[in-house]
């Protein structure tokens, strides 16, 4: 009888030990999985937030995350009058990251490079101030050819085109202005251009996509500025596609005579 009780106690104790060990393992496993799930959930939420942002930009165009809001309160006049912009003044917002893959603005080196040419052409800074007119500016910097700036503006039903060229080269020095012209456009010219702006998803493009450069070639920089918003997109040597068509439309509106081999 005593032996039976001893065996029963041993078996019972063994069960308790096994149950305790199993319980500890289970608790550790649950805690580990919970921690892993938390990490995975955070990643999922971040990915989902980015996905919803991209969906929103596709459906509604303008969002706070892909547009730079103008902060300056005073109105900024924008025409072809000489500006006398300070040598230290940058024409573009410095790069601001949204996350690890997307950002808005230009890095310091690129900003200084492009600003030097716009300053030489006596252009206004578009990324600051509340503009009284909708404005788009195309800056075309070809490595071995004359820099060109084309600006289209709409105020009420009046549409104007300004275009300038210097005797410098896009990959070297700006040079001096040799062409500074203005022409009136029809309202349907503006509407055709805006259709191309929408087609290339200008207002929903993330400028960090600009890191696609190469040797020589050219930079196609398009800015857009309204009363509330500003955007800049920079692409290297496009030869086709919606963005090319949009910028090329402005080139074709000018009276500049450019051979095919100069359009790169």
C-alpha atoms as a PDB file:
ATOM      1  CA  UNK A   1       0.000   0.000   0.000  1.00  0.00           C
ATOM      2  CA  UNK A   2       2.842   2.366   0.862  1.00  0.00           C
ATOM      3  CA  UNK A   3       4.651   1.566  -2.411  1.00  0.00           C
ATOM      4  CA  UNK A   4       1.495   2.361  -4.388  1.00  0.00           C
ATOM      5  CA  UNK A   5       1.111   5.727  -2.585  1.00  0.00           C
ATOM      6  CA  UNK A   6       4.810   6.499  -3.218  1.00  0.00           C
ATOM      7  CA  UNK A   7       4.499   5.700  -6.933  1.00  0.00           C
ATOM      8  CA  UNK A   8       1.346   7.803  -7.162  1.00  0.00           C
ATOM      9  CA  UNK A   9       3.055  10.731  -5.474  1.00  0.00           C
ATOM     10  CA  UNK A  10       6.040  10.432  -7.792  1.00  0.00           C
ATOM     11  CA  UNK A  11       3.811  10.365 -10.841  1.00  0.00           C
ATOM     12  CA  UNK A  12       1.800  13.294  -9.525  1.00  0.00           C
ATOM     13  CA  UNK A  13       4.980  15.305  -8.803  1.00  0.00           C
ATOM     14  CA  UNK A  14       6.328  14.458 -12.252  1.00  0.00           C
ATOM     15  CA  UNK A  15       3.103  15.684 -13.816  1.00  0.00           C
ATOM     16  CA  UNK A  16       3.317  18.895 -11.822  1.00  0.00           C
ATOM     17  CA  UNK A  17       6.925  19.461 -12.912  1.00  0.00           C
ATOM     18  CA  UNK A  18       6.039  18.708 -16.532  1.00  0.00           C
ATOM     19  CA  UNK A  19       3.046  20.985 -16.343  1.00  0.00           C
ATOM     20  CA  UNK A  20       5.208  23.739 -14.813  1.00  0.00           C
ATOM     21  CA  UNK A  21       7.919  23.387 -17.484  1.00  0.00           C
ATOM     22  CA  UNK A  22       5.332  23.295 -20.233  1.00  0.00           C
ATOM     23  CA  UNK A  23       3.657  26.327 -18.716  1.00  0.00           C
ATOM     24  CA  UNK A  24       6.910  28.319 -18.658  1.00  0.00           C
ATOM     25  CA  UNK A  25       7.710  27.370 -22.250  1.00  0.00           C
ATOM     26  CA  UNK A  26       4.231  28.331 -23.340  1.00  0.00           C
ATOM     27  CA  UNK A  27       4.420  31.674 -21.539  1.00  0.00           C
ATOM     28  CA  UNK A  28       7.836  32.448 -23.098  1.00  0.00           C
ATOM     29  CA  UNK A  29       6.573  31.456 -26.554  1.00  0.00           C
ATOM     30  CA  UNK A  30       3.455  33.596 -26.205  1.00  0.00           C
ATOM     31  CA  UNK A  31       5.477  36.624 -25.039  1.00  0.00           C
ATOM     32  CA  UNK A  32       7.981  36.191 -27.877  1.00  0.00           C
ATOM     33  CA  UNK A  33       5.254  35.871 -30.495  1.00  0.00           C
ATOM     34  CA  UNK A  34       3.436  38.875 -29.014  1.00  0.00           C
ATOM     35  CA  UNK A  35       6.579  41.010 -29.318  1.00  0.00           C
ATOM     36  CA  UNK A  36       7.149  39.826 -32.884  1.00  0.00           C
ATOM     37  CA  UNK A  37       3.538  40.538 -33.757  1.00  0.00           C
ATOM     38  CA  UNK A  38       3.838  44.050 -32.340  1.00  0.00           C
ATOM     39  CA  UNK A  39       6.881  44.743 -34.539  1.00  0.00           C
ATOM     40  CA  UNK A  40       5.163  43.286 -37.581  1.00  0.00           C
ATOM     41  CA  UNK A  41       2.011  45.272 -36.812  1.00  0.00           C
ATOM     42  CA  UNK A  42       3.980  48.526 -36.618  1.00  0.00           C
ATOM     43  CA  UNK A  43       5.562  47.778 -40.006  1.00  0.00           C
ATOM     44  CA  UNK A  44       2.140  46.925 -41.421  1.00  0.00           C
ATOM     45  CA  UNK A  45       0.601  50.140 -40.110  1.00  0.00           C
ATOM     46  CA  UNK A  46       3.459  52.215 -41.576  1.00  0.00           C
ATOM     47  CA  UNK A  47       3.152  50.457 -44.943  1.00  0.00           C
ATOM     48  CA  UNK A  48      -0.621  50.846 -44.901  1.00  0.00           C
ATOM     49  CA  UNK A  49      -0.323  54.559 -44.093  1.00  0.00           C
ATOM     50  CA  UNK A  50       2.054  55.077 -47.025  1.00  0.00           C
ATOM     51  CA  UNK A  51      -0.225  53.039 -49.284  1.00  0.00           C
ATOM     52  CA  UNK A  52      -3.269  55.102 -48.289  1.00  0.00           C
ATOM     53  CA  UNK A  53      -1.287  58.300 -48.898  1.00  0.00           C
ATOM     54  CA  UNK A  54      -0.405  57.160 -52.416  1.00  0.00           C
ATOM     55  CA  UNK A  55      -4.019  56.149 -53.043  1.00  0.00           C
ATOM     56  CA  UNK A  56      -5.148  59.552 -51.817  1.00  0.00           C
ATOM     57  CA  UNK A  57      -2.761  61.356 -54.157  1.00  0.00           C
ATOM     58  CA  UNK A  58      -4.000  59.245 -57.052  1.00  0.00           C
ATOM     59  CA  UNK A  59      -7.664  59.939 -56.272  1.00  0.00           C
ATOM     60  CA  UNK A  60      -7.526  63.507 -55.020  1.00  0.00           C
ATOM     61  CA  UNK A  61      -4.224  64.877 -56.362  1.00  0.00           C
ATOM     62  CA  UNK A  62      -3.107  67.375 -53.738  1.00  0.00           C
ATOM     63  CA  UNK A  63      -2.279  66.283 -50.194  1.00  0.00           C
ATOM     64  CA  UNK A  64      -0.261  67.903 -47.435  1.00  0.00           C
ATOM     65  CA  UNK A  65       2.423  65.219 -47.737  1.00  0.00           C
ATOM     66  CA  UNK A  66       3.274  65.773 -51.390  1.00  0.00           C
ATOM     67  CA  UNK A  67       2.901  69.541 -51.572  1.00  0.00           C
ATOM     68  CA  UNK A  68       4.980  72.288 -50.039  1.00  0.00           C
ATOM     69  CA  UNK A  69       2.770  74.955 -48.477  1.00  0.00           C
ATOM     70  CA  UNK A  70       3.890  78.541 -48.912  1.00  0.00           C
ATOM     71  CA  UNK A  71       4.528  80.184 -45.540  1.00  0.00           C
ATOM     72  CA  UNK A  72       5.336  83.766 -46.469  1.00  0.00           C
ATOM     73  CA  UNK A  73       2.329  86.035 -45.867  1.00  0.00           C
ATOM     74  CA  UNK A  74       3.144  88.868 -48.232  1.00  0.00           C
ATOM     75  CA  UNK A  75       2.266  88.556 -51.917  1.00  0.00           C
ATOM     76  CA  UNK A  76       5.195  87.791 -54.192  1.00  0.00           C
ATOM     77  CA  UNK A  77       5.037  89.537 -57.539  1.00  0.00           C
ATOM     78  CA  UNK A  78       6.052  87.334 -60.410  1.00  0.00           C
ATOM     79  CA  UNK A  79       6.966  88.762 -63.805  1.00  0.00           C
ATOM     80  CA  UNK A  80      10.015  89.343 -65.980  1.00  0.00           C
ATOM     81  CA  UNK A  81      11.278  92.391 -64.083  1.00  0.00           C
ATOM     82  CA  UNK A  82      14.898  92.133 -62.892  1.00  0.00           C
ATOM     83  CA  UNK A  83      15.103  90.723 -59.401  1.00  0.00           C
ATOM     84  CA  UNK A  84      18.607  91.345 -57.994  1.00  0.00           C
ATOM     85  CA  UNK A  85      18.351  88.133 -55.980  1.00  0.00           C
ATOM     86  CA  UNK A  86      21.055  87.693 -53.324  1.00  0.00           C
ATOM     87  CA  UNK A  87      23.933  85.366 -54.264  1.00  0.00           C
ATOM     88  CA  UNK A  88      23.143  83.295 -51.174  1.00  0.00           C
ATOM     89  CA  UNK A  89      19.422  82.951 -51.865  1.00  0.00           C
ATOM     90  CA  UNK A  90      18.226  79.468 -52.845  1.00  0.00           C
ATOM     91  CA  UNK A  91      15.412  79.119 -55.351  1.00  0.00           C
ATOM     92  CA  UNK A  92      14.154  75.745 -54.138  1.00  0.00           C
ATOM     93  CA  UNK A  93      13.180  74.252 -50.783  1.00  0.00           C
ATOM     94  CA  UNK A  94      15.899  72.128 -49.222  1.00  0.00           C
ATOM     95  CA  UNK A  95      15.115  68.438 -49.261  1.00  0.00           C
ATOM     96  CA  UNK A  96      12.601  67.315 -46.617  1.00  0.00           C
ATOM     97  CA  UNK A  97      12.070  63.597 -46.080  1.00  0.00           C
ATOM     98  CA  UNK A  98       8.612  62.129 -45.681  1.00  0.00           C
ATOM     99  CA  UNK A  99      10.026  58.676 -44.962  1.00  0.00           C
ATOM    100  CA  UNK A 100      13.002  56.543 -46.016  1.00  0.00           C
ATOM    101  CA  UNK A 101      11.914  56.416 -49.659  1.00  0.00           C
ATOM    102  CA  UNK A 102      10.178  59.688 -50.447  1.00  0.00           C
ATOM    103  CA  UNK A 103      11.021  63.345 -49.997  1.00  0.00           C
ATOM    104  CA  UNK A 104      10.265  66.856 -51.205  1.00  0.00           C
ATOM    105  CA  UNK A 105      12.753  69.497 -52.358  1.00  0.00           C
ATOM    106  CA  UNK A 106      16.350  69.448 -53.608  1.00  0.00           C
ATOM    107  CA  UNK A 107      19.629  68.695 -51.881  1.00  0.00           C
ATOM    108  CA  UNK A 108      22.015  71.558 -51.120  1.00  0.00           C
ATOM    109  CA  UNK A 109      24.429  70.902 -54.016  1.00  0.00           C
ATOM    110  CA  UNK A 110      21.662  70.659 -56.629  1.00  0.00           C
ATOM    111  CA  UNK A 111      19.833  73.621 -55.137  1.00  0.00           C
ATOM    112  CA  UNK A 112      22.901  75.861 -55.412  1.00  0.00           C
ATOM    113  CA  UNK A 113      23.610  74.646 -58.944  1.00  0.00           C
ATOM    114  CA  UNK A 114      20.118  75.377 -60.285  1.00  0.00           C
ATOM    115  CA  UNK A 115      19.749  78.599 -58.294  1.00  0.00           C
ATOM    116  CA  UNK A 116      22.868  80.021 -59.951  1.00  0.00           C
ATOM    117  CA  UNK A 117      21.200  79.816 -63.361  1.00  0.00           C
ATOM    118  CA  UNK A 118      17.850  81.238 -62.274  1.00  0.00           C
ATOM    119  CA  UNK A 119      19.651  84.072 -60.522  1.00  0.00           C
ATOM    120  CA  UNK A 120      21.582  84.844 -63.723  1.00  0.00           C
ATOM    121  CA  UNK A 121      18.257  85.046 -65.586  1.00  0.00           C
ATOM    122  CA  UNK A 122      16.760  87.443 -63.022  1.00  0.00           C
ATOM    123  CA  UNK A 123      13.979  85.030 -62.156  1.00  0.00           C
ATOM    124  CA  UNK A 124      11.748  85.249 -59.094  1.00  0.00           C
ATOM    125  CA  UNK A 125      11.717  82.687 -56.272  1.00  0.00           C
ATOM    126  CA  UNK A 126       8.463  80.751 -56.614  1.00  0.00           C
ATOM    127  CA  UNK A 127       8.508  78.588 -53.486  1.00  0.00           C
ATOM    128  CA  UNK A 128       7.829  81.451 -51.080  1.00  0.00           C
ATOM    129  CA  UNK A 129       4.898  83.792 -50.772  1.00  0.00           C
ATOM    130  CA  UNK A 130       1.254  83.837 -51.808  1.00  0.00           C
ATOM    131  CA  UNK A 131       1.263  84.200 -55.564  1.00  0.00           C
ATOM    132  CA  UNK A 132      -1.397  86.295 -57.221  1.00  0.00           C
ATOM    133  CA  UNK A 133      -1.328  84.056 -60.319  1.00  0.00           C
ATOM    134  CA  UNK A 134      -0.861  80.390 -61.152  1.00  0.00           C
ATOM    135  CA  UNK A 135       2.680  79.843 -62.434  1.00  0.00           C
ATOM    136  CA  UNK A 136       4.703  77.000 -63.906  1.00  0.00           C
ATOM    137  CA  UNK A 137       8.396  77.337 -64.732  1.00  0.00           C
ATOM    138  CA  UNK A 138      10.499  74.968 -66.792  1.00  0.00           C
ATOM    139  CA  UNK A 139      14.275  75.264 -66.316  1.00  0.00           C
ATOM    140  CA  UNK A 140      16.214  73.408 -69.002  1.00  0.00           C
ATOM    141  CA  UNK A 141      19.917  72.888 -68.300  1.00  0.00           C
ATOM    142  CA  UNK A 142      21.698  71.114 -71.152  1.00  0.00           C
ATOM    143  CA  UNK A 143      25.328  70.308 -70.399  1.00  0.00           C
ATOM    144  CA  UNK A 144      26.862  71.750 -73.573  1.00  0.00           C
ATOM    145  CA  UNK A 145      24.116  74.135 -74.709  1.00  0.00           C
ATOM    146  CA  UNK A 146      22.543  77.418 -73.706  1.00  0.00           C
ATOM    147  CA  UNK A 147      20.401  77.353 -70.531  1.00  0.00           C
ATOM    148  CA  UNK A 148      16.719  78.102 -71.126  1.00  0.00           C
ATOM    149  CA  UNK A 149      13.916  79.097 -68.765  1.00  0.00           C
ATOM    150  CA  UNK A 150      10.267  79.079 -69.824  1.00  0.00           C
ATOM    151  CA  UNK A 151       7.514  80.381 -67.558  1.00  0.00           C
ATOM    152  CA  UNK A 152       3.771  80.236 -68.167  1.00  0.00           C
ATOM    153  CA  UNK A 153       1.376  82.270 -66.030  1.00  0.00           C
ATOM    154  CA  UNK A 154      -2.383  82.592 -65.749  1.00  0.00           C
ATOM    155  CA  UNK A 155      -4.169  85.446 -64.000  1.00  0.00           C
ATOM    156  CA  UNK A 156      -7.949  85.386 -64.397  1.00  0.00           C
ATOM    157  CA  UNK A 157      -8.387  84.685 -68.134  1.00  0.00           C
ATOM    158  CA  UNK A 158      -5.055  86.208 -69.148  1.00  0.00           C
ATOM    159  CA  UNK A 159      -2.263  83.786 -70.070  1.00  0.00           C
ATOM    160  CA  UNK A 160       1.345  84.854 -70.717  1.00  0.00           C
ATOM    161  CA  UNK A 161       4.529  83.034 -71.672  1.00  0.00           C
ATOM    162  CA  UNK A 162       8.012  84.264 -70.737  1.00  0.00           C
ATOM    163  CA  UNK A 163      11.165  82.648 -72.052  1.00  0.00           C
ATOM    164  CA  UNK A 164      14.826  83.437 -71.624  1.00  0.00           C
ATOM    165  CA  UNK A 165      18.130  82.054 -72.836  1.00  0.00           C
ATOM    166  CA  UNK A 166      21.707  82.844 -71.852  1.00  0.00           C
ATOM    167  CA  UNK A 167      24.969  82.383 -73.770  1.00  0.00           C
ATOM    168  CA  UNK A 168      26.384  79.996 -71.150  1.00  0.00           C
ATOM    169  CA  UNK A 169      26.076  76.212 -70.858  1.00  0.00           C
ATOM    170  CA  UNK A 170      24.044  74.112 -68.426  1.00  0.00           C
ATOM    171  CA  UNK A 171      27.038  72.098 -67.265  1.00  0.00           C
ATOM    172  CA  UNK A 172      29.422  75.026 -66.906  1.00  0.00           C
ATOM    173  CA  UNK A 173      28.554  78.686 -66.285  1.00  0.00           C
ATOM    174  CA  UNK A 174      25.222  80.518 -66.753  1.00  0.00           C
ATOM    175  CA  UNK A 175      26.537  83.303 -68.959  1.00  0.00           C
ATOM    176  CA  UNK A 176      24.466  86.400 -69.757  1.00  0.00           C
ATOM    177  CA  UNK A 177      20.919  86.787 -71.023  1.00  0.00           C
ATOM    178  CA  UNK A 178      20.737  86.951 -74.813  1.00  0.00           C
ATOM    179  CA  UNK A 179      16.994  86.291 -75.247  1.00  0.00           C
ATOM    180  CA  UNK A 180      14.261  87.691 -72.985  1.00  0.00           C
ATOM    181  CA  UNK A 181      10.855  87.509 -74.634  1.00  0.00           C
ATOM    182  CA  UNK A 182       7.197  87.526 -73.667  1.00  0.00           C
ATOM    183  CA  UNK A 183       4.101  86.553 -75.622  1.00  0.00           C
ATOM    184  CA  UNK A 184       0.370  86.355 -74.993  1.00  0.00           C
ATOM    185  CA  UNK A 185      -1.275  82.955 -75.217  1.00  0.00           C
ATOM    186  CA  UNK A 186      -4.834  81.812 -75.742  1.00  0.00           C
ATOM    187  CA  UNK A 187      -6.748  80.331 -72.829  1.00  0.00           C
ATOM    188  CA  UNK A 188      -6.904  76.959 -74.589  1.00  0.00           C
ATOM    189  CA  UNK A 189      -3.068  76.884 -74.593  1.00  0.00           C
ATOM    190  CA  UNK A 190      -3.194  76.985 -70.808  1.00  0.00           C
ATOM    191  CA  UNK A 191      -5.892  74.324 -70.677  1.00  0.00           C
ATOM    192  CA  UNK A 192      -3.895  72.037 -72.982  1.00  0.00           C
ATOM    193  CA  UNK A 193      -0.832  72.481 -70.798  1.00  0.00           C
ATOM    194  CA  UNK A 194      -2.753  71.732 -67.583  1.00  0.00           C
ATOM    195  CA  UNK A 195      -4.041  68.524 -69.189  1.00  0.00           C
ATOM    196  CA  UNK A 196      -0.413  67.480 -69.689  1.00  0.00           C
ATOM    197  CA  UNK A 197       0.452  68.499 -66.111  1.00  0.00           C
ATOM    198  CA  UNK A 198      -2.313  66.224 -64.855  1.00  0.00           C
ATOM    199  CA  UNK A 199      -1.303  63.428 -67.209  1.00  0.00           C
ATOM    200  CA  UNK A 200       2.279  63.332 -65.888  1.00  0.00           C
ATOM    201  CA  UNK A 201       0.954  63.406 -62.297  1.00  0.00           C
ATOM    202  CA  UNK A 202       3.062  66.454 -61.554  1.00  0.00           C
ATOM    203  CA  UNK A 203       1.349  67.316 -58.277  1.00  0.00           C
ATOM    204  CA  UNK A 204       1.567  63.754 -56.990  1.00  0.00           C
ATOM    205  CA  UNK A 205       5.160  63.007 -58.042  1.00  0.00           C
ATOM    206  CA  UNK A 206       7.712  62.523 -55.303  1.00  0.00           C
ATOM    207  CA  UNK A 207      10.841  64.531 -56.206  1.00  0.00           C
ATOM    208  CA  UNK A 208      13.172  61.965 -54.584  1.00  0.00           C
ATOM    209  CA  UNK A 209      12.682  60.073 -57.841  1.00  0.00           C
ATOM    210  CA  UNK A 210      15.171  62.512 -59.370  1.00  0.00           C
ATOM    211  CA  UNK A 211      18.170  60.363 -58.354  1.00  0.00           C
ATOM    212  CA  UNK A 212      18.509  58.885 -61.845  1.00  0.00           C
ATOM    213  CA  UNK A 213      21.222  61.047 -63.359  1.00  0.00           C
ATOM    214  CA  UNK A 214      24.107  60.241 -65.641  1.00  0.00           C
ATOM    215  CA  UNK A 215      27.046  61.886 -67.368  1.00  0.00           C
ATOM    216  CA  UNK A 216      26.320  64.980 -69.437  1.00  0.00           C
ATOM    217  CA  UNK A 217      22.745  65.021 -70.752  1.00  0.00           C
ATOM    218  CA  UNK A 218      20.371  67.622 -69.333  1.00  0.00           C
ATOM    219  CA  UNK A 219      18.173  68.469 -66.373  1.00  0.00           C
ATOM    220  CA  UNK A 220      14.453  69.076 -66.929  1.00  0.00           C
ATOM    221  CA  UNK A 221      13.188  70.967 -63.874  1.00  0.00           C
ATOM    222  CA  UNK A 222       9.504  71.862 -63.651  1.00  0.00           C
ATOM    223  CA  UNK A 223       8.075  74.019 -60.863  1.00  0.00           C
ATOM    224  CA  UNK A 224       4.444  74.753 -60.141  1.00  0.00           C
ATOM    225  CA  UNK A 225       3.217  77.500 -57.820  1.00  0.00           C
ATOM    226  CA  UNK A 226      -0.314  78.505 -56.886  1.00  0.00           C
ATOM    227  CA  UNK A 227      -1.735  80.683 -54.141  1.00  0.00           C
ATOM    228  CA  UNK A 228      -1.362  77.858 -51.623  1.00  0.00           C
ATOM    229  CA  UNK A 229       0.961  75.222 -53.023  1.00  0.00           C
ATOM    230  CA  UNK A 230       4.366  74.689 -54.586  1.00  0.00           C
ATOM    231  CA  UNK A 231       5.924  71.648 -56.230  1.00  0.00           C
ATOM    232  CA  UNK A 232       9.175  70.893 -58.057  1.00  0.00           C
ATOM    233  CA  UNK A 233      10.056  67.822 -60.105  1.00  0.00           C
ATOM    234  CA  UNK A 234      13.502  67.251 -61.586  1.00  0.00           C
ATOM    235  CA  UNK A 235      14.292  64.586 -64.181  1.00  0.00           C
ATOM    236  CA  UNK A 236      17.449  63.776 -66.100  1.00  0.00           C
ATOM    237  CA  UNK A 237      17.317  63.711 -69.908  1.00  0.00           C
ATOM    238  CA  UNK A 238      13.786  62.409 -70.548  1.00  0.00           C
ATOM    239  CA  UNK A 239      13.253  61.550 -74.221  1.00  0.00           C
ATOM    240  CA  UNK A 240       9.626  60.399 -74.134  1.00  0.00           C
ATOM    241  CA  UNK A 241       6.685  59.947 -71.806  1.00  0.00           C
ATOM    242  CA  UNK A 242       4.162  62.217 -70.103  1.00  0.00           C
ATOM    243  CA  UNK A 243       6.718  64.391 -68.293  1.00  0.00           C
ATOM    244  CA  UNK A 244       8.670  64.944 -71.518  1.00  0.00           C
ATOM    245  CA  UNK A 245       5.466  65.860 -73.364  1.00  0.00           C
ATOM    246  CA  UNK A 246       4.524  68.346 -70.648  1.00  0.00           C
ATOM    247  CA  UNK A 247       7.847  70.201 -70.716  1.00  0.00           C
ATOM    248  CA  UNK A 248       8.209  69.921 -74.483  1.00  0.00           C
ATOM    249  CA  UNK A 249       4.813  71.586 -74.881  1.00  0.00           C
ATOM    250  CA  UNK A 250       6.283  74.708 -73.274  1.00  0.00           C
ATOM    251  CA  UNK A 251       9.312  74.552 -75.567  1.00  0.00           C
ATOM    252  CA  UNK A 252       7.032  74.377 -78.596  1.00  0.00           C
ATOM    253  CA  UNK A 253       5.075  77.433 -77.404  1.00  0.00           C
ATOM    254  CA  UNK A 254       8.193  79.610 -77.678  1.00  0.00           C
ATOM    255  CA  UNK A 255       9.627  81.028 -80.898  1.00  0.00           C
ATOM    256  CA  UNK A 256      12.996  79.389 -80.236  1.00  0.00           C
ATOM    257  CA  UNK A 257      14.371  77.502 -83.230  1.00  0.00           C
ATOM    258  CA  UNK A 258      15.994  74.350 -81.930  1.00  0.00           C
ATOM    259  CA  UNK A 259      17.301  71.502 -84.038  1.00  0.00           C
ATOM    260  CA  UNK A 260      16.313  67.964 -83.073  1.00  0.00           C
ATOM    261  CA  UNK A 261      19.794  67.095 -81.793  1.00  0.00           C
ATOM    262  CA  UNK A 262      19.630  70.051 -79.374  1.00  0.00           C
ATOM    263  CA  UNK A 263      16.486  68.751 -77.694  1.00  0.00           C
ATOM    264  CA  UNK A 264      17.921  66.381 -75.107  1.00  0.00           C
END
